[in-house]
C-alpha cells in the first residue's frame, strides 16, 4: 500500500479563559434575564465558568459558557441553575 498517506491531523488546544476562584459560601442564584456575556457564573454540575455568548429570547434564551473543568457548554437558561458570587 505504498503511496497512501494518512491525512495530517491538527489538534487545536481549546482557548484558555481566566476564570477566578469562586467562594461557594457567597453564591446567590441569578435569574436568566440577568446573565450577560463576560459574567463569571457557577453551575452545580460543571463548576465555575464564563459566559461567552447569548442567543435567543425568552424561554429559548441560551448561553454558551466556557467552564474551568468541563469545556464549553450551551445551556438553555430556563433550566440552568446558575449562581454568581455575591460581593
N, C-alpha and C. Protein backbone atom coordinates (compact mmCIF):
# COMPACT_ATOMS: atom_id res chain seq x y z
N UNK A 1 0.82 -1.18 0.00
CA UNK A 1 0.00 0.00 0.00
C UNK A 1 0.86 1.25 0.00
N UNK A 2 1.94 1.21 -0.69
CA UNK A 2 2.76 2.41 -0.76
C UNK A 2 2.02 3.47 -1.56
N UNK A 3 2.33 4.70 -1.24
CA UNK A 3 1.67 5.80 -1.93
C UNK A 3 0.45 6.32 -1.19
N UNK A 4 -0.06 5.54 -0.25
CA UNK A 4 -1.21 6.03 0.52
C UNK A 4 -0.70 6.73 1.77
N UNK A 5 -1.23 7.87 2.01
CA UNK A 5 -0.82 8.65 3.17
C UNK A 5 -2.04 8.98 4.01
N UNK A 6 -1.86 8.91 5.28
CA UNK A 6 -2.93 9.35 6.17
C UNK A 6 -2.95 10.87 6.16
N UNK A 7 -4.15 11.45 6.19
CA UNK A 7 -4.21 12.92 6.21
C UNK A 7 -3.63 13.44 7.52
N UNK A 8 -3.00 14.58 7.42
CA UNK A 8 -2.45 15.22 8.63
C UNK A 8 -3.59 15.70 9.50
N UNK A 9 -3.45 15.48 10.78
CA UNK A 9 -4.47 15.93 11.73
C UNK A 9 -3.83 16.98 12.62
N UNK A 10 -4.48 18.11 12.69
CA UNK A 10 -4.02 19.17 13.56
C UNK A 10 -5.00 19.31 14.70
N UNK A 11 -4.51 19.14 15.90
CA UNK A 11 -5.36 19.29 17.07
C UNK A 11 -5.12 20.67 17.68
N UNK A 12 -6.19 21.39 17.83
CA UNK A 12 -6.10 22.71 18.43
C UNK A 12 -6.47 22.62 19.90
N UNK A 13 -5.63 23.16 20.74
CA UNK A 13 -5.97 23.20 22.15
C UNK A 13 -7.10 24.19 22.34
N UNK A 14 -8.06 23.88 23.22
CA UNK A 14 -9.13 24.85 23.45
C UNK A 14 -8.57 26.13 24.04
N UNK A 15 -9.22 27.22 23.69
CA UNK A 15 -8.78 28.51 24.22
C UNK A 15 -8.90 28.50 25.73
N UNK A 16 -7.92 29.05 26.38
CA UNK A 16 -7.99 29.11 27.83
C UNK A 16 -8.58 30.47 28.23
N UNK A 17 -9.47 30.42 29.17
CA UNK A 17 -10.10 31.63 29.67
C UNK A 17 -9.81 31.70 31.15
N UNK A 18 -9.39 32.87 31.60
CA UNK A 18 -9.09 33.06 33.00
C UNK A 18 -10.39 33.13 33.79
N UNK A 19 -10.60 32.16 34.65
CA UNK A 19 -11.80 32.13 35.48
C UNK A 19 -11.34 32.16 36.93
N UNK A 20 -11.64 33.25 37.63
CA UNK A 20 -11.19 33.36 39.02
C UNK A 20 -11.85 32.32 39.92
N UNK A 21 -11.23 32.08 41.06
CA UNK A 21 -11.80 31.15 42.04
C UNK A 21 -13.11 31.72 42.58
N UNK A 22 -14.02 30.81 42.89
CA UNK A 22 -15.32 31.21 43.42
C UNK A 22 -15.44 30.72 44.85
N UNK A 23 -15.90 31.60 45.72
CA UNK A 23 -16.16 31.26 47.12
C UNK A 23 -17.60 30.74 47.19
N UNK A 24 -17.76 29.43 47.32
CA UNK A 24 -19.10 28.82 47.30
C UNK A 24 -19.99 29.31 48.43
N UNK A 25 -19.40 29.79 49.52
CA UNK A 25 -20.21 30.27 50.64
C UNK A 25 -20.89 31.61 50.30
N UNK A 26 -20.46 32.26 49.22
CA UNK A 26 -21.03 33.56 48.84
C UNK A 26 -21.89 33.48 47.59
N UNK A 27 -22.28 32.28 47.16
CA UNK A 27 -23.06 32.14 45.94
C UNK A 27 -24.52 32.53 46.17
N UNK A 28 -25.08 33.21 45.17
CA UNK A 28 -26.51 33.51 45.20
C UNK A 28 -27.09 33.19 43.82
N UNK A 29 -28.34 32.72 43.78
CA UNK A 29 -28.96 32.39 42.49
C UNK A 29 -29.09 33.63 41.62
N UNK A 30 -29.02 33.40 40.32
CA UNK A 30 -29.18 34.51 39.37
C UNK A 30 -30.31 34.15 38.40
N UNK A 31 -31.13 35.13 38.08
CA UNK A 31 -32.22 34.96 37.14
C UNK A 31 -31.66 34.97 35.71
N UNK A 32 -32.29 34.22 34.83
CA UNK A 32 -31.77 34.10 33.46
C UNK A 32 -31.69 35.43 32.72
N UNK A 33 -32.57 36.38 33.04
CA UNK A 33 -32.51 37.67 32.33
C UNK A 33 -31.38 38.57 32.84
N UNK A 34 -30.67 38.14 33.88
CA UNK A 34 -29.53 38.90 34.40
C UNK A 34 -28.19 38.43 33.82
N UNK A 35 -28.20 37.32 33.10
CA UNK A 35 -26.97 36.75 32.55
C UNK A 35 -26.50 37.59 31.36
N UNK A 36 -25.23 37.96 31.39
CA UNK A 36 -24.65 38.77 30.31
C UNK A 36 -23.29 38.18 29.92
N UNK A 37 -22.87 38.38 28.67
CA UNK A 37 -21.54 37.91 28.26
C UNK A 37 -20.45 38.53 29.13
N UNK A 38 -19.46 37.70 29.46
CA UNK A 38 -18.36 38.15 30.30
C UNK A 38 -18.56 37.83 31.77
N UNK A 39 -19.78 37.48 32.14
CA UNK A 39 -20.11 37.19 33.54
C UNK A 39 -19.49 35.87 33.98
N UNK A 40 -18.94 35.85 35.19
CA UNK A 40 -18.45 34.61 35.78
C UNK A 40 -19.60 34.01 36.58
N UNK A 41 -19.93 32.76 36.28
CA UNK A 41 -21.06 32.09 36.93
C UNK A 41 -20.59 30.78 37.55
N UNK A 42 -21.49 30.17 38.32
CA UNK A 42 -21.23 28.85 38.89
C UNK A 42 -22.42 27.97 38.57
N UNK A 43 -22.15 26.76 38.06
CA UNK A 43 -23.17 25.76 37.76
C UNK A 43 -22.92 24.56 38.67
N UNK A 44 -23.96 24.02 39.33
CA UNK A 44 -23.75 22.92 40.28
C UNK A 44 -23.05 21.69 39.71
N UNK A 45 -23.23 21.41 38.44
CA UNK A 45 -22.61 20.23 37.83
C UNK A 45 -21.27 20.55 37.19
N UNK A 46 -21.17 21.66 36.47
CA UNK A 46 -19.99 21.97 35.68
C UNK A 46 -19.00 22.89 36.38
N UNK A 47 -19.39 23.52 37.48
CA UNK A 47 -18.48 24.37 38.23
C UNK A 47 -18.46 25.81 37.73
N UNK A 48 -17.33 26.46 37.94
CA UNK A 48 -17.16 27.87 37.57
C UNK A 48 -16.96 28.01 36.07
N UNK A 49 -17.55 29.06 35.51
CA UNK A 49 -17.40 29.28 34.08
C UNK A 49 -17.63 30.74 33.72
N UNK A 50 -17.33 31.05 32.47
CA UNK A 50 -17.51 32.40 31.95
C UNK A 50 -18.47 32.36 30.79
N UNK A 51 -19.49 33.22 30.82
CA UNK A 51 -20.46 33.34 29.73
C UNK A 51 -19.77 34.03 28.57
N UNK A 52 -19.73 33.37 27.41
CA UNK A 52 -19.06 33.96 26.26
C UNK A 52 -20.02 34.42 25.17
N UNK A 53 -21.28 33.92 25.22
CA UNK A 53 -22.23 34.30 24.18
C UNK A 53 -23.65 34.02 24.66
N UNK A 54 -24.59 34.84 24.20
CA UNK A 54 -26.01 34.61 24.43
C UNK A 54 -26.72 34.58 23.09
N UNK A 55 -27.77 33.75 23.00
CA UNK A 55 -28.58 33.73 21.79
C UNK A 55 -30.01 33.39 22.15
N UNK A 56 -30.93 33.81 21.33
CA UNK A 56 -32.35 33.53 21.57
C UNK A 56 -32.98 34.54 22.53
N UNK A 57 -34.29 34.40 22.66
CA UNK A 57 -35.06 35.30 23.51
C UNK A 57 -36.02 34.50 24.38
N UNK A 58 -36.40 35.11 25.49
CA UNK A 58 -37.41 34.50 26.36
C UNK A 58 -37.05 33.10 26.81
N UNK A 59 -37.99 32.16 26.67
CA UNK A 59 -37.77 30.79 27.14
C UNK A 59 -36.77 30.04 26.27
N UNK A 60 -36.42 30.59 25.11
CA UNK A 60 -35.44 29.95 24.23
C UNK A 60 -34.04 30.54 24.38
N UNK A 61 -33.85 31.42 25.35
CA UNK A 61 -32.54 32.07 25.54
C UNK A 61 -31.52 31.04 26.00
N UNK A 62 -30.36 31.04 25.32
CA UNK A 62 -29.27 30.11 25.61
C UNK A 62 -27.99 30.89 25.89
N UNK A 63 -27.14 30.31 26.71
CA UNK A 63 -25.83 30.90 27.00
C UNK A 63 -24.76 29.88 26.68
N UNK A 64 -23.73 30.31 25.96
CA UNK A 64 -22.55 29.48 25.77
C UNK A 64 -21.59 29.85 26.89
N UNK A 65 -21.21 28.84 27.67
CA UNK A 65 -20.35 29.05 28.83
C UNK A 65 -19.11 28.17 28.71
N UNK A 66 -17.95 28.76 28.95
CA UNK A 66 -16.70 28.01 28.99
C UNK A 66 -16.41 27.76 30.47
N UNK A 67 -16.35 26.49 30.84
CA UNK A 67 -16.13 26.11 32.22
C UNK A 67 -14.67 25.77 32.47
N UNK A 68 -14.23 26.05 33.68
CA UNK A 68 -12.84 25.79 34.06
C UNK A 68 -12.51 24.31 33.90
N UNK A 69 -13.40 23.43 34.29
CA UNK A 69 -13.13 21.99 34.28
C UNK A 69 -13.86 21.23 33.18
N UNK A 70 -14.96 21.75 32.68
CA UNK A 70 -15.81 20.94 31.80
C UNK A 70 -15.90 21.36 30.36
N UNK A 71 -14.95 22.15 29.86
CA UNK A 71 -15.02 22.59 28.48
C UNK A 71 -16.14 23.61 28.29
N UNK A 72 -16.65 23.73 27.08
CA UNK A 72 -17.73 24.68 26.84
C UNK A 72 -19.05 23.94 26.70
N UNK A 73 -20.09 24.60 27.14
CA UNK A 73 -21.44 24.05 27.09
C UNK A 73 -22.39 25.16 26.68
N UNK A 74 -23.46 24.77 25.97
CA UNK A 74 -24.54 25.70 25.69
C UNK A 74 -25.70 25.31 26.59
N UNK A 75 -26.13 26.25 27.41
CA UNK A 75 -27.16 25.98 28.41
C UNK A 75 -28.45 26.71 28.06
N UNK A 76 -29.57 26.01 28.11
CA UNK A 76 -30.88 26.63 27.97
C UNK A 76 -31.19 27.26 29.33
N UNK A 77 -31.24 28.58 29.37
CA UNK A 77 -31.26 29.29 30.64
C UNK A 77 -32.51 29.04 31.48
N UNK A 78 -33.63 28.67 30.84
CA UNK A 78 -34.82 28.44 31.65
C UNK A 78 -34.66 27.21 32.54
N UNK A 79 -33.72 26.31 32.22
CA UNK A 79 -33.48 25.12 33.03
C UNK A 79 -32.19 25.19 33.85
N UNK A 80 -31.26 26.02 33.44
CA UNK A 80 -29.95 26.07 34.10
C UNK A 80 -30.09 26.74 35.47
N UNK A 81 -29.52 26.11 36.46
CA UNK A 81 -29.48 26.69 37.81
C UNK A 81 -28.11 27.34 37.98
N UNK A 82 -28.07 28.65 37.73
CA UNK A 82 -26.81 29.37 37.77
C UNK A 82 -26.73 30.27 38.99
N UNK A 83 -25.50 30.47 39.43
CA UNK A 83 -25.23 31.28 40.61
C UNK A 83 -24.11 32.26 40.29
N UNK A 84 -24.08 33.37 41.01
CA UNK A 84 -22.96 34.30 40.95
C UNK A 84 -22.46 34.50 42.37
N UNK A 85 -21.24 34.98 42.47
CA UNK A 85 -20.68 35.25 43.78
C UNK A 85 -21.11 36.63 44.23
N UNK A 86 -21.75 36.68 45.40
CA UNK A 86 -22.15 37.97 45.97
C UNK A 86 -20.91 38.66 46.52
N UNK A 87 -20.91 39.96 46.43
CA UNK A 87 -19.76 40.73 46.94
C UNK A 87 -19.76 40.83 48.43
